[in-house]
Amino acid sequence: MSLFSTASRDYLCKRMYPLLRKFFFYFDPEKVHNWVMQRLLFAYKVPFLRKWIMKLYGIQDPFLKRKLWGLEFPNPIGLAGGFDKNAEYTDALSCLGFGFVEIGTVTPRPQPGNPKPRLFRLPLDKALLNRMGFNNEGAAFAAVNLSKRKERIIIGGNIGKNKDTPNEDAVSDYEKCFIELYPYVDFFIVNVSSPNTPGLRELQDKEPLTRLLRRLLELNTEMGQGEESIHAEHEITGKPVLLKIAPDLTTEQLDDIIDIIQTVGLHGIVATNTTISRYGLISPGDMLTKYGAGGVSGAPVRKRSTEVVAYIHEKTEGKIPIIACGGVFTAADALEKIKAGASLVQIYTGFIYEGPGIVKNICSGLKQHHGL
């Protein structure tokens, strides 16, 4: 049987991973993540292994292409922030078929994040619970890694503030990250919605959010002056800037955010981050109590995420591009987000549960159902 035969690819993509997942789930999630990503990076650096991985998991089809903000996305399925916090694995991840990768969340200064353990699996719910706390090596470290990358995959830079920076000084932190990453990313995601940095979600309130976004857009224009930009036809000087929001916002808060975005001229929304709600979880209560605080991602967020996407799309008459994130495991999940008004879709928890073939499986399903 040929290494690249249809049968072998089917076996590796669809049958082997459930066995590997069962094995991986015996060990600490964060340690497994680091171990697996180091092996993927090693495989990427070996030419014949890289070619093999791309053959297994890559997908290219004109039908899947999307153009947004002047950027050419090879397909609409991206990797959400939090998976590659330091931009260490973007080249390796490009072999798995992703249309784009969001790195970060990056903060100006390195920080260790919250005490371990801080990442937990909820298999009964097909979910993860995390309170990572923006653990990363800082913006300068990520910028160096991005400057060395070899693959031309579209990169979104997710930026945040350091834990010990007071909210009244938060704008400065976001500015520093923006300036550091500007030469190396294709678009920005402003993260004010993580539940794991104390007080961060207060920046979603109308006054501080308006002030933050206005300043970043001013900075964006300043840095983009004189550049020959692929975004010019979309009246963007600099890079597209998006806001990542929480799924736990009320309708009134969503209305405020929509008003702010339209007023300041932001370029898009990422909906949504993890939820602090435990509603509807079937994992045992004593387990949830033991694991403690944190944001839940995966299947429990799917419905609410889609509701937020649909609400924003309807209220803005489709004029604000939306990247949907939350509970995407299958082509049907992605199609649900696209029909609700999303231009692009991200995965994270689905990647953990479904394995490295998830992008190819989703894209193949979208093609089959004419979902774009």
Foldseek 3Di string as FASTA:
>chain_A
DDLLDPVNLCCVQAPPVVVVLVVLQVDQPVVSLVVVLVVLVVLCVDVVSLVSLLSSAADADPLQWDAALLDIFRHQEEADEPSAAQLQRQQSLVSLHHSAYEYHQAWAAADQFDDPPFWADDVVQLKIFGLRGRHDHHLLRSLVSLVPDDDPHAYEYEYFYHLPDDLVCGLVGRVSNCVSCQVRHQEYEYEQAFPNRPPSVVCLDQPNVLVSVLVVQVVQQVVQPPPPDSSVVVVRRHHQYEYEHALPDDPVSLVSNLVSCVVSVHAAYEFYDFAQDPPPRPRDPVVDVVSDGGGMFAQVCLVSSLVSLLVSCVVVVLPHAYETEGHDQALVSVLSSVVSRHSHYYYHSSCSVSHSNRNVRNVVVCVVVVSD
